[in-house]
Amino acid sequence: MRHARVLIAALMVALALLVGCAPEGAVDVTPTEDVSPEAPGPAPEGTPTEEPTDTPAPTTSPPAEPEVPDDAEAAVAWARGDLASRLSAVEEEIALVAIEAVEWRDSSLGCPQPGQMYLQVITPGYRFVLRADDTTYEYHSARGADQAVLCQEAG
C-alpha cells in the first residue's frame, strides 16, 4: 500500500513537471484541412469598394502604473513627495514603474549606511521604482510604513 502511494505521488510530480515544461502560449498548429488563402477577385459591378482613408493611427496611452498594495500606499506617496522635493519637480510627473514585495535581511531595508547598526531581523517590505524624466530611482520600505528610503538612482 505504501509503495502504491509513493508511485502515485511520483507520477503526479512527473506529470506536473511535464505540463510545466510546455512553452508558454504553445498551440498545436497541425493543419486539419486545406486552408490555403484565396485571392480576392474583382468586386462585382455596382458593389462599392473601400477607399483608403486618411484616418490617423490610434495613439497609445502610457502604460498604466502597477497596482500598489494597501500597506504600501503611504510609503509610495511619501517617496513621490520626497523625490519631487529632491528634484524640484511636480509629484504628478513622477511615475511608479514597478513595485514588488520583498523580505529584507535586516532593518536597513537593503540600503545599509556606513557606521549605522541595524536589527538583524527579517523585515517584510517593498522595493519600488519611480521615474522622473528618463531617470529611475529605487526606494525601499518596510511593510505598512509611511516612509521609504531612497536606496539608489537606478538609471
Foldseek 3Di string as FASTA:
>chain_A
DVVVVVVVVVVVVVVVVVVVPDDPPDDDPDDPDDDDDDDDDDDPPPDDDDDDDPDDDDDDDPDDADDDDPQCVLAVVQVLVVVCVVVVHDSVQKGWHDKDKDWDQWPCQPADDPPDDTGRDTFIWMWTWIDHDHWIWIWIDGGNDNHIHGRGTPD
